[in-house]
ModelCIF file with pLDDT and N, C-alpha, C, O atoms, coordinates in Angstrom:
data_MODEL
#
_entry.id   MODEL 
#
_entity.id                         1 
_entity.type                       polymer 
_entity.pdbx_number_of_molecules   1 
#
_entity_poly.entity_id                      1 
_entity_poly.type                           'polypeptide(L)' 
_entity_poly.nstd_linkage                   no 
_entity_poly.nstd_monomer                   no 
_entity_poly.pdbx_seq_one_letter_code       
;(UNK)(UNK)(UNK)(UNK)(UNK)(UNK)(UNK)(UNK)(UNK)(UNK)(UNK)(UNK)(UNK)(UNK)(UNK)(UNK)
(UNK)(UNK)(UNK)(UNK)(UNK)(UNK)(UNK)(UNK)(UNK)(UNK)(UNK)(UNK)(UNK)(UNK)(UNK)(UNK)
(UNK)(UNK)(UNK)(UNK)(UNK)(UNK)(UNK)(UNK)(UNK)(UNK)
;
_entity_poly.pdbx_seq_one_letter_code_can   XXXXXXXXXXXXXXXXXXXXXXXXXXXXXXXXXXXXXXXXXX 
_entity_poly.pdbx_strand_id                 A 
#
loop_
_entity_poly_seq.entity_id 
_entity_poly_seq.num 
_entity_poly_seq.mon_id 
_entity_poly_seq.hetero 
1 1  UNK n 
1 2  UNK n 
1 3  UNK n 
1 4  UNK n 
1 5  UNK n 
1 6  UNK n 
1 7  UNK n 
1 8  UNK n 
1 9  UNK n 
1 10 UNK n 
1 11 UNK n 
1 12 UNK n 
1 13 UNK n 
1 14 UNK n 
1 15 UNK n 
1 16 UNK n 
1 17 UNK n 
1 18 UNK n 
1 19 UNK n 
1 20 UNK n 
1 21 UNK n 
1 22 UNK n 
1 23 UNK n 
1 24 UNK n 
1 25 UNK n 
1 26 UNK n 
1 27 UNK n 
1 28 UNK n 
1 29 UNK n 
1 30 UNK n 
1 31 UNK n 
1 32 UNK n 
1 33 UNK n 
1 34 UNK n 
1 35 UNK n 
1 36 UNK n 
1 37 UNK n 
1 38 UNK n 
1 39 UNK n 
1 40 UNK n 
1 41 UNK n 
1 42 UNK n 
#
_struct_asym.id          A 
_struct_asym.entity_id   1 
#
loop_
_ma_qa_metric.id 
_ma_qa_metric.mode 
_ma_qa_metric.name 
_ma_qa_metric.software_group_id 
_ma_qa_metric.type 
1 global pLDDT . pLDDT 
2 local  pLDDT . pLDDT 
#
_ma_qa_metric_global.metric_id      1 
_ma_qa_metric_global.metric_value   86.43 
_ma_qa_metric_global.model_id       1 
_ma_qa_metric_global.ordinal_id     1 
#
loop_
_ma_qa_metric_local.label_asym_id 
_ma_qa_metric_local.label_comp_id 
_ma_qa_metric_local.label_seq_id 
_ma_qa_metric_local.metric_id 
_ma_qa_metric_local.metric_value 
_ma_qa_metric_local.model_id 
_ma_qa_metric_local.ordinal_id 
A UNK 1  2 92.00 1 1  
A UNK 2  2 89.00 1 2  
A UNK 3  2 88.00 1 3  
A UNK 4  2 88.00 1 4  
A UNK 5  2 91.00 1 5  
A UNK 6  2 93.00 1 6  
A UNK 7  2 93.00 1 7  
A UNK 8  2 93.00 1 8  
A UNK 9  2 91.00 1 9  
A UNK 10 2 90.00 1 10 
A UNK 11 2 84.00 1 11 
A UNK 12 2 82.00 1 12 
A UNK 13 2 77.00 1 13 
A UNK 14 2 76.00 1 14 
A UNK 15 2 74.00 1 15 
A UNK 16 2 77.00 1 16 
A UNK 17 2 75.00 1 17 
A UNK 18 2 72.00 1 18 
A UNK 19 2 71.00 1 19 
A UNK 20 2 71.00 1 20 
A UNK 21 2 79.00 1 21 
A UNK 22 2 81.00 1 22 
A UNK 23 2 87.00 1 23 
A UNK 24 2 90.00 1 24 
A UNK 25 2 92.00 1 25 
A UNK 26 2 92.00 1 26 
A UNK 27 2 94.00 1 27 
A UNK 28 2 93.00 1 28 
A UNK 29 2 93.00 1 29 
A UNK 30 2 91.00 1 30 
A UNK 31 2 90.00 1 31 
A UNK 32 2 85.00 1 32 
A UNK 33 2 85.00 1 33 
A UNK 34 2 85.00 1 34 
A UNK 35 2 89.00 1 35 
A UNK 36 2 89.00 1 36 
A UNK 37 2 90.00 1 37 
A UNK 38 2 91.00 1 38 
A UNK 39 2 91.00 1 39 
A UNK 40 2 91.00 1 40 
A UNK 41 2 92.00 1 41 
A UNK 42 2 93.00 1 42 
#
loop_
_atom_site.group_PDB 
_atom_site.id 
_atom_site.type_symbol 
_atom_site.label_atom_id 
_atom_site.label_alt_id 
_atom_site.label_comp_id 
_atom_site.label_asym_id 
_atom_site.label_entity_id 
_atom_site.label_seq_id 
_atom_site.pdbx_PDB_ins_code 
_atom_site.Cartn_x 
_atom_site.Cartn_y 
_atom_site.Cartn_z 
_atom_site.occupancy 
_atom_site.B_iso_or_equiv 
_atom_site.pdbx_formal_charge 
_atom_site.auth_seq_id 
_atom_site.auth_comp_id 
_atom_site.auth_asym_id 
_atom_site.auth_atom_id 
_atom_site.pdbx_PDB_model_num 
ATOM 1   N N  . UNK A 1 1  ? -10.439 -45.260 54.907 1.00 92.00 ? 1  UNK A N  1 
ATOM 2   C CA . UNK A 1 1  ? -11.158 -44.061 55.355 1.00 92.00 ? 1  UNK A CA 1 
ATOM 3   C C  . UNK A 1 1  ? -11.167 -43.043 54.221 1.00 92.00 ? 1  UNK A C  1 
ATOM 4   O O  . UNK A 1 1  ? -10.184 -42.338 53.997 1.00 92.00 ? 1  UNK A O  1 
ATOM 5   N N  . UNK A 1 2  ? -12.292 -42.976 53.508 1.00 89.00 ? 2  UNK A N  1 
ATOM 6   C CA . UNK A 1 2  ? -12.378 -42.106 52.344 1.00 89.00 ? 2  UNK A CA 1 
ATOM 7   C C  . UNK A 1 2  ? -13.087 -40.802 52.622 1.00 89.00 ? 2  UNK A C  1 
ATOM 8   O O  . UNK A 1 2  ? -13.798 -40.671 53.619 1.00 89.00 ? 2  UNK A O  1 
ATOM 9   N N  . UNK A 1 3  ? -12.894 -39.839 51.744 1.00 88.00 ? 3  UNK A N  1 
ATOM 10  C CA . UNK A 1 3  ? -13.563 -38.551 51.883 1.00 88.00 ? 3  UNK A CA 1 
ATOM 11  C C  . UNK A 1 3  ? -15.069 -38.701 51.748 1.00 88.00 ? 3  UNK A C  1 
ATOM 12  O O  . UNK A 1 3  ? -15.825 -38.080 52.495 1.00 88.00 ? 3  UNK A O  1 
ATOM 13  N N  . UNK A 1 4  ? -15.513 -39.520 50.801 1.00 88.00 ? 4  UNK A N  1 
ATOM 14  C CA . UNK A 1 4  ? -16.952 -39.701 50.582 1.00 88.00 ? 4  UNK A CA 1 
ATOM 15  C C  . UNK A 1 4  ? -17.438 -41.075 51.025 1.00 88.00 ? 4  UNK A C  1 
ATOM 16  O O  . UNK A 1 4  ? -18.579 -41.211 51.466 1.00 88.00 ? 4  UNK A O  1 
ATOM 17  N N  . UNK A 1 5  ? -16.579 -42.105 50.914 1.00 91.00 ? 5  UNK A N  1 
ATOM 18  C CA . UNK A 1 5  ? -16.997 -43.473 51.223 1.00 91.00 ? 5  UNK A CA 1 
ATOM 19  C C  . UNK A 1 5  ? -15.889 -44.203 51.967 1.00 91.00 ? 5  UNK A C  1 
ATOM 20  O O  . UNK A 1 5  ? -14.707 -44.046 51.661 1.00 91.00 ? 5  UNK A O  1 
ATOM 21  N N  . UNK A 1 6  ? -16.287 -44.999 52.944 1.00 93.00 ? 6  UNK A N  1 
ATOM 22  C CA . UNK A 1 6  ? -15.341 -45.798 53.721 1.00 93.00 ? 6  UNK A CA 1 
ATOM 23  C C  . UNK A 1 6  ? -15.675 -47.278 53.541 1.00 93.00 ? 6  UNK A C  1 
ATOM 24  O O  . UNK A 1 6  ? -16.844 -47.665 53.535 1.00 93.00 ? 6  UNK A O  1 
ATOM 25  N N  . UNK A 1 7  ? -14.638 -48.095 53.396 1.00 93.00 ? 7  UNK A N  1 
ATOM 26  C CA . UNK A 1 7  ? -14.806 -49.544 53.245 1.00 93.00 ? 7  UNK A CA 1 
ATOM 27  C C  . UNK A 1 7  ? -13.938 -50.231 54.287 1.00 93.00 ? 7  UNK A C  1 
ATOM 28  O O  . UNK A 1 7  ? -12.806 -49.817 54.538 1.00 93.00 ? 7  UNK A O  1 
ATOM 29  N N  . UNK A 1 8  ? -14.480 -51.289 54.895 1.00 93.00 ? 8  UNK A N  1 
ATOM 30  C CA . UNK A 1 8  ? -13.771 -52.019 55.944 1.00 93.00 ? 8  UNK A CA 1 
ATOM 31  C C  . UNK A 1 8  ? -13.588 -53.466 55.503 1.00 93.00 ? 8  UNK A C  1 
ATOM 32  O O  . UNK A 1 8  ? -14.533 -54.094 55.025 1.00 93.00 ? 8  UNK A O  1 
ATOM 33  N N  . UNK A 1 9  ? -12.385 -53.996 55.658 1.00 91.00 ? 9  UNK A N  1 
ATOM 34  C CA . UNK A 1 9  ? -12.113 -55.406 55.372 1.00 91.00 ? 9  UNK A CA 1 
ATOM 35  C C  . UNK A 1 9  ? -11.447 -56.037 56.592 1.00 91.00 ? 9  UNK A C  1 
ATOM 36  O O  . UNK A 1 9  ? -10.976 -55.340 57.490 1.00 91.00 ? 9  UNK A O  1 
ATOM 37  N N  . UNK A 1 10 ? -11.417 -57.366 56.607 1.00 90.00 ? 10 UNK A N  1 
ATOM 38  C CA . UNK A 1 10 ? -10.793 -58.042 57.735 1.00 90.00 ? 10 UNK A CA 1 
ATOM 39  C C  . UNK A 1 10 ? -10.006 -59.251 57.239 1.00 90.00 ? 10 UNK A C  1 
ATOM 40  O O  . UNK A 1 10 ? -10.306 -59.822 56.191 1.00 90.00 ? 10 UNK A O  1 
ATOM 41  N N  . UNK A 1 11 ? -8.993  -59.627 58.018 1.00 84.00 ? 11 UNK A N  1 
ATOM 42  C CA . UNK A 1 11 ? -8.175  -60.802 57.719 1.00 84.00 ? 11 UNK A CA 1 
ATOM 43  C C  . UNK A 1 11 ? -7.968  -61.605 58.992 1.00 84.00 ? 11 UNK A C  1 
ATOM 44  O O  . UNK A 1 11 ? -7.960  -61.063 60.097 1.00 84.00 ? 11 UNK A O  1 
ATOM 45  N N  . UNK A 1 12 ? -7.799  -62.911 58.812 1.00 82.00 ? 12 UNK A N  1 
ATOM 46  C CA . UNK A 1 12 ? -7.455  -63.777 59.935 1.00 82.00 ? 12 UNK A CA 1 
ATOM 47  C C  . UNK A 1 12 ? -6.723  -64.993 59.392 1.00 82.00 ? 12 UNK A C  1 
ATOM 48  O O  . UNK A 1 12 ? -6.792  -65.293 58.200 1.00 82.00 ? 12 UNK A O  1 
ATOM 49  N N  . UNK A 1 13 ? -6.032  -65.679 60.263 1.00 77.00 ? 13 UNK A N  1 
ATOM 50  C CA . UNK A 1 13 ? -5.283  -66.868 59.866 1.00 77.00 ? 13 UNK A CA 1 
ATOM 51  C C  . UNK A 1 13 ? -6.159  -68.099 60.033 1.00 77.00 ? 13 UNK A C  1 
ATOM 52  O O  . UNK A 1 13 ? -6.620  -68.397 61.135 1.00 77.00 ? 13 UNK A O  1 
ATOM 53  N N  . UNK A 1 14 ? -6.390  -68.820 58.927 1.00 76.00 ? 14 UNK A N  1 
ATOM 54  C CA . UNK A 1 14 ? -7.180  -70.045 58.951 1.00 76.00 ? 14 UNK A CA 1 
ATOM 55  C C  . UNK A 1 14 ? -6.262  -71.200 59.362 1.00 76.00 ? 14 UNK A C  1 
ATOM 56  O O  . UNK A 1 14 ? -5.384  -71.612 58.604 1.00 76.00 ? 14 UNK A O  1 
ATOM 57  N N  . UNK A 1 15 ? -6.481  -71.705 60.563 1.00 74.00 ? 15 UNK A N  1 
ATOM 58  C CA . UNK A 1 15 ? -5.595  -72.757 61.098 1.00 74.00 ? 15 UNK A CA 1 
ATOM 59  C C  . UNK A 1 15 ? -5.646  -74.037 60.274 1.00 74.00 ? 15 UNK A C  1 
ATOM 60  O O  . UNK A 1 15 ? -4.626  -74.705 60.107 1.00 74.00 ? 15 UNK A O  1 
ATOM 61  N N  . UNK A 1 16 ? -6.824  -74.387 59.756 1.00 77.00 ? 16 UNK A N  1 
ATOM 62  C CA . UNK A 1 16 ? -6.963  -75.634 59.015 1.00 77.00 ? 16 UNK A CA 1 
ATOM 63  C C  . UNK A 1 16 ? -6.289  -75.559 57.645 1.00 77.00 ? 16 UNK A C  1 
ATOM 64  O O  . UNK A 1 16 ? -5.546  -76.458 57.253 1.00 77.00 ? 16 UNK A O  1 
ATOM 65  N N  . UNK A 1 17 ? -6.565  -74.467 56.926 1.00 75.00 ? 17 UNK A N  1 
ATOM 66  C CA . UNK A 1 17 ? -6.020  -74.317 55.576 1.00 75.00 ? 17 UNK A CA 1 
ATOM 67  C C  . UNK A 1 17 ? -4.625  -73.708 55.563 1.00 75.00 ? 17 UNK A C  1 
ATOM 68  O O  . UNK A 1 17 ? -3.932  -73.725 54.546 1.00 75.00 ? 17 UNK A O  1 
ATOM 69  N N  . UNK A 1 18 ? -4.219  -73.159 56.734 1.00 72.00 ? 18 UNK A N  1 
ATOM 70  C CA . UNK A 1 18 ? -2.885  -72.537 56.854 1.00 72.00 ? 18 UNK A CA 1 
ATOM 71  C C  . UNK A 1 18 ? -2.704  -71.386 55.873 1.00 72.00 ? 18 UNK A C  1 
ATOM 72  O O  . UNK A 1 18 ? -1.650  -71.230 55.257 1.00 72.00 ? 18 UNK A O  1 
ATOM 73  N N  . UNK A 1 19 ? -3.761  -70.584 55.742 1.00 71.00 ? 19 UNK A N  1 
ATOM 74  C CA . UNK A 1 19 ? -3.695  -69.420 54.853 1.00 71.00 ? 19 UNK A CA 1 
ATOM 75  C C  . UNK A 1 19 ? -4.318  -68.223 55.562 1.00 71.00 ? 19 UNK A C  1 
ATOM 76  O O  . UNK A 1 19 ? -5.049  -68.372 56.541 1.00 71.00 ? 19 UNK A O  1 
ATOM 77  N N  . UNK A 1 20 ? -4.015  -67.031 55.047 1.00 71.00 ? 20 UNK A N  1 
ATOM 78  C CA . UNK A 1 20 ? -4.637  -65.813 55.548 1.00 71.00 ? 20 UNK A CA 1 
ATOM 79  C C  . UNK A 1 20 ? -5.888  -65.534 54.709 1.00 71.00 ? 20 UNK A C  1 
ATOM 80  O O  . UNK A 1 20 ? -5.807  -65.404 53.487 1.00 71.00 ? 20 UNK A O  1 
ATOM 81  N N  . UNK A 1 21 ? -7.028  -65.446 55.367 1.00 79.00 ? 21 UNK A N  1 
ATOM 82  C CA . UNK A 1 21 ? -8.306  -65.186 54.700 1.00 79.00 ? 21 UNK A CA 1 
ATOM 83  C C  . UNK A 1 21 ? -8.630  -63.699 54.802 1.00 79.00 ? 21 UNK A C  1 
ATOM 84  O O  . UNK A 1 21 ? -8.502  -63.104 55.872 1.00 79.00 ? 21 UNK A O  1 
ATOM 85  N N  . UNK A 1 22 ? -9.050  -63.101 53.692 1.00 81.00 ? 22 UNK A N  1 
ATOM 86  C CA . UNK A 1 22 ? -9.397  -61.681 53.678 1.00 81.00 ? 22 UNK A CA 1 
ATOM 87  C C  . UNK A 1 22 ? -10.769 -61.502 53.055 1.00 81.00 ? 22 UNK A C  1 
ATOM 88  O O  . UNK A 1 22 ? -11.040 -62.031 51.977 1.00 81.00 ? 22 UNK A O  1 
ATOM 89  N N  . UNK A 1 23 ? -11.635 -60.760 53.728 1.00 87.00 ? 23 UNK A N  1 
ATOM 90  C CA . UNK A 1 23 ? -12.986 -60.496 53.244 1.00 87.00 ? 23 UNK A CA 1 
ATOM 91  C C  . UNK A 1 23 ? -13.357 -59.046 53.524 1.00 87.00 ? 23 UNK A C  1 
ATOM 92  O O  . UNK A 1 23 ? -12.751 -58.389 54.371 1.00 87.00 ? 23 UNK A O  1 
ATOM 93  N N  . UNK A 1 24 ? -14.364 -58.553 52.798 1.00 90.00 ? 24 UNK A N  1 
ATOM 94  C CA . UNK A 1 24 ? -14.905 -57.223 53.042 1.00 90.00 ? 24 UNK A CA 1 
ATOM 95  C C  . UNK A 1 24 ? -16.087 -57.341 53.999 1.00 90.00 ? 24 UNK A C  1 
ATOM 96  O O  . UNK A 1 24 ? -16.884 -58.274 53.893 1.00 90.00 ? 24 UNK A O  1 
ATOM 97  N N  . UNK A 1 25 ? -16.201 -56.406 54.926 1.00 92.00 ? 25 UNK A N  1 
ATOM 98  C CA . UNK A 1 25 ? -17.304 -56.423 55.877 1.00 92.00 ? 25 UNK A CA 1 
ATOM 99  C C  . UNK A 1 25 ? -18.548 -55.747 55.306 1.00 92.00 ? 25 UNK A C  1 
ATOM 100 O O  . UNK A 1 25 ? -18.455 -54.688 54.685 1.00 92.00 ? 25 UNK A O  1 
ATOM 101 N N  . UNK A 1 26 ? -19.690 -56.348 55.515 1.00 92.00 ? 26 UNK A N  1 
ATOM 102 C CA . UNK A 1 26 ? -20.973 -55.715 55.237 1.00 92.00 ? 26 UNK A CA 1 
ATOM 103 C C  . UNK A 1 26 ? -21.482 -55.124 56.549 1.00 92.00 ? 26 UNK A C  1 
ATOM 104 O O  . UNK A 1 26 ? -21.901 -55.859 57.443 1.00 92.00 ? 26 UNK A O  1 
ATOM 105 N N  . UNK A 1 27 ? -21.447 -53.822 56.661 1.00 94.00 ? 27 UNK A N  1 
ATOM 106 C CA . UNK A 1 27 ? -21.788 -53.176 57.917 1.00 94.00 ? 27 UNK A CA 1 
ATOM 107 C C  . UNK A 1 27 ? -23.209 -52.632 57.902 1.00 94.00 ? 27 UNK A C  1 
ATOM 108 O O  . UNK A 1 27 ? -23.708 -52.168 56.876 1.00 94.00 ? 27 UNK A O  1 
ATOM 109 N N  . UNK A 1 28 ? -23.843 -52.701 59.060 1.00 93.00 ? 28 UNK A N  1 
ATOM 110 C CA . UNK A 1 28 ? -25.224 -52.241 59.224 1.00 93.00 ? 28 UNK A CA 1 
ATOM 111 C C  . UNK A 1 28 ? -25.262 -50.725 59.374 1.00 93.00 ? 28 UNK A C  1 
ATOM 112 O O  . UNK A 1 28 ? -24.461 -50.138 60.102 1.00 93.00 ? 28 UNK A O  1 
ATOM 113 N N  . UNK A 1 29 ? -26.201 -50.105 58.675 1.00 93.00 ? 29 UNK A N  1 
ATOM 114 C CA . UNK A 1 29 ? -26.387 -48.657 58.737 1.00 93.00 ? 29 UNK A CA 1 
ATOM 115 C C  . UNK A 1 29 ? -27.881 -48.365 58.776 1.00 93.00 ? 29 UNK A C  1 
ATOM 116 O O  . UNK A 1 29 ? -28.679 -49.130 58.235 1.00 93.00 ? 29 UNK A O  1 
ATOM 117 N N  . UNK A 1 30 ? -28.257 -47.278 59.406 1.00 91.00 ? 30 UNK A N  1 
ATOM 118 C CA . UNK A 1 30 ? -29.658 -46.896 59.506 1.00 91.00 ? 30 UNK A CA 1 
ATOM 119 C C  . UNK A 1 30 ? -30.041 -45.932 58.381 1.00 91.00 ? 30 UNK A C  1 
ATOM 120 O O  . UNK A 1 30 ? -29.304 -44.996 58.070 1.00 91.00 ? 30 UNK A O  1 
ATOM 121 N N  . UNK A 1 31 ? -31.204 -46.178 57.777 1.00 90.00 ? 31 UNK A N  1 
ATOM 122 C CA . UNK A 1 31 ? -31.771 -45.249 56.818 1.00 90.00 ? 31 UNK A CA 1 
ATOM 123 C C  . UNK A 1 31 ? -32.470 -44.122 57.572 1.00 90.00 ? 31 UNK A C  1 
ATOM 124 O O  . UNK A 1 31 ? -32.701 -44.223 58.777 1.00 90.00 ? 31 UNK A O  1 
ATOM 125 N N  . UNK A 1 32 ? -32.805 -43.050 56.858 1.00 85.00 ? 32 UNK A N  1 
ATOM 126 C CA . UNK A 1 32 ? -33.451 -41.907 57.508 1.00 85.00 ? 32 UNK A CA 1 
ATOM 127 C C  . UNK A 1 32 ? -34.822 -42.258 58.061 1.00 85.00 ? 32 UNK A C  1 
ATOM 128 O O  . UNK A 1 32 ? -35.298 -41.601 58.986 1.00 85.00 ? 32 UNK A O  1 
ATOM 129 N N  . UNK A 1 33 ? -35.473 -43.293 57.504 1.00 85.00 ? 33 UNK A N  1 
ATOM 130 C CA . UNK A 1 33 ? -36.785 -43.703 58.007 1.00 85.00 ? 33 UNK A CA 1 
ATOM 131 C C  . UNK A 1 33 ? -36.690 -44.741 59.115 1.00 85.00 ? 33 UNK A C  1 
ATOM 132 O O  . UNK A 1 33 ? -37.711 -45.253 59.573 1.00 85.00 ? 33 UNK A O  1 
ATOM 133 N N  . UNK A 1 34 ? -35.467 -45.058 59.552 1.00 85.00 ? 34 UNK A N  1 
ATOM 134 C CA . UNK A 1 34 ? -35.264 -46.005 60.627 1.00 85.00 ? 34 UNK A CA 1 
ATOM 135 C C  . UNK A 1 34 ? -35.016 -47.428 60.182 1.00 85.00 ? 34 UNK A C  1 
ATOM 136 O O  . UNK A 1 34 ? -34.667 -48.278 61.001 1.00 85.00 ? 34 UNK A O  1 
ATOM 137 N N  . UNK A 1 35 ? -35.191 -47.709 58.886 1.00 89.00 ? 35 UNK A N  1 
ATOM 138 C CA . UNK A 1 35 ? -34.976 -49.063 58.375 1.00 89.00 ? 35 UNK A CA 1 
ATOM 139 C C  . UNK A 1 35 ? -33.486 -49.394 58.358 1.00 89.00 ? 35 UNK A C  1 
ATOM 140 O O  . UNK A 1 35 ? -32.642 -48.510 58.209 1.00 89.00 ? 35 UNK A O  1 
ATOM 141 N N  . UNK A 1 36 ? -33.176 -50.683 58.514 1.00 89.00 ? 36 UNK A N  1 
ATOM 142 C CA . UNK A 1 36 ? -31.784 -51.129 58.471 1.00 89.00 ? 36 UNK A CA 1 
ATOM 143 C C  . UNK A 1 36 ? -31.314 -51.278 57.026 1.00 89.00 ? 36 UNK A C  1 
ATOM 144 O O  . UNK A 1 36 ? -32.070 -51.692 56.146 1.00 89.00 ? 36 UNK A O  1 
ATOM 145 N N  . UNK A 1 37 ? -30.054 -50.932 56.807 1.00 90.00 ? 37 UNK A N  1 
ATOM 146 C CA . UNK A 1 37 ? -29.405 -51.117 55.505 1.00 90.00 ? 37 UNK A CA 1 
ATOM 147 C C  . UNK A 1 37 ? -28.043 -51.732 55.776 1.00 90.00 ? 37 UNK A C  1 
ATOM 148 O O  . UNK A 1 37 ? -27.332 -51.300 56.682 1.00 90.00 ? 37 UNK A O  1 
ATOM 149 N N  . UNK A 1 38 ? -27.677 -52.742 54.991 1.00 91.00 ? 38 UNK A N  1 
ATOM 150 C CA . UNK A 1 38 ? -26.377 -53.381 55.147 1.00 91.00 ? 38 UNK A CA 1 
ATOM 151 C C  . UNK A 1 38 ? -25.624 -53.333 53.827 1.00 91.00 ? 38 UNK A C  1 
ATOM 152 O O  . UNK A 1 38 ? -26.166 -53.700 52.784 1.00 91.00 ? 38 UNK A O  1 
ATOM 153 N N  . UNK A 1 39 ? -24.379 -52.883 53.873 1.00 91.00 ? 39 UNK A N  1 
ATOM 154 C CA . UNK A 1 39 ? -23.601 -52.797 52.643 1.00 91.00 ? 39 UNK A CA 1 
ATOM 155 C C  . UNK A 1 39 ? -22.116 -52.713 52.914 1.00 91.00 ? 39 UNK A C  1 
ATOM 156 O O  . UNK A 1 39 ? -21.688 -52.425 54.032 1.00 91.00 ? 39 UNK A O  1 
ATOM 157 N N  . UNK A 1 40 ? -21.328 -52.972 51.867 1.00 91.00 ? 40 UNK A N  1 
ATOM 158 C CA . UNK A 1 40 ? -19.872 -52.895 51.980 1.00 91.00 ? 40 UNK A CA 1 
ATOM 159 C C  . UNK A 1 40 ? -19.392 -51.449 52.070 1.00 91.00 ? 40 UNK A C  1 
ATOM 160 O O  . UNK A 1 40 ? -18.391 -51.158 52.725 1.00 91.00 ? 40 UNK A O  1 
ATOM 161 N N  . UNK A 1 41 ? -20.107 -50.553 51.412 1.00 92.00 ? 41 UNK A N  1 
ATOM 162 C CA . UNK A 1 41 ? -19.700 -49.150 51.389 1.00 92.00 ? 41 UNK A CA 1 
ATOM 163 C C  . UNK A 1 41 ? -20.430 -48.369 52.470 1.00 92.00 ? 41 UNK A C  1 
ATOM 164 O O  . UNK A 1 41 ? -21.653 -48.442 52.590 1.00 92.00 ? 41 UNK A O  1 
ATOM 165 N N  . UNK A 1 42 ? -19.664 -47.623 53.255 1.00 93.00 ? 42 UNK A N  1 
ATOM 166 C CA . UNK A 1 42 ? -20.237 -46.777 54.298 1.00 93.00 ? 42 UNK A CA 1 
ATOM 167 C C  . UNK A 1 42 ? -19.951 -45.324 53.930 1.00 93.00 ? 42 UNK A C  1 
ATOM 168 O O  . UNK A 1 42 ? -20.338 -44.414 54.663 1.00 93.00 ? 42 UNK A O  1 
#
């Protein structure tokens, strides 16, 4: 949770590989003209 930008990541346990997987989320955001925008930085 940043002052200017927020980034979200997630982790889960991969049962097959027996490891913890971590990735950054690409979240959907609306532009001022109504168009969709997807990015890691919010």
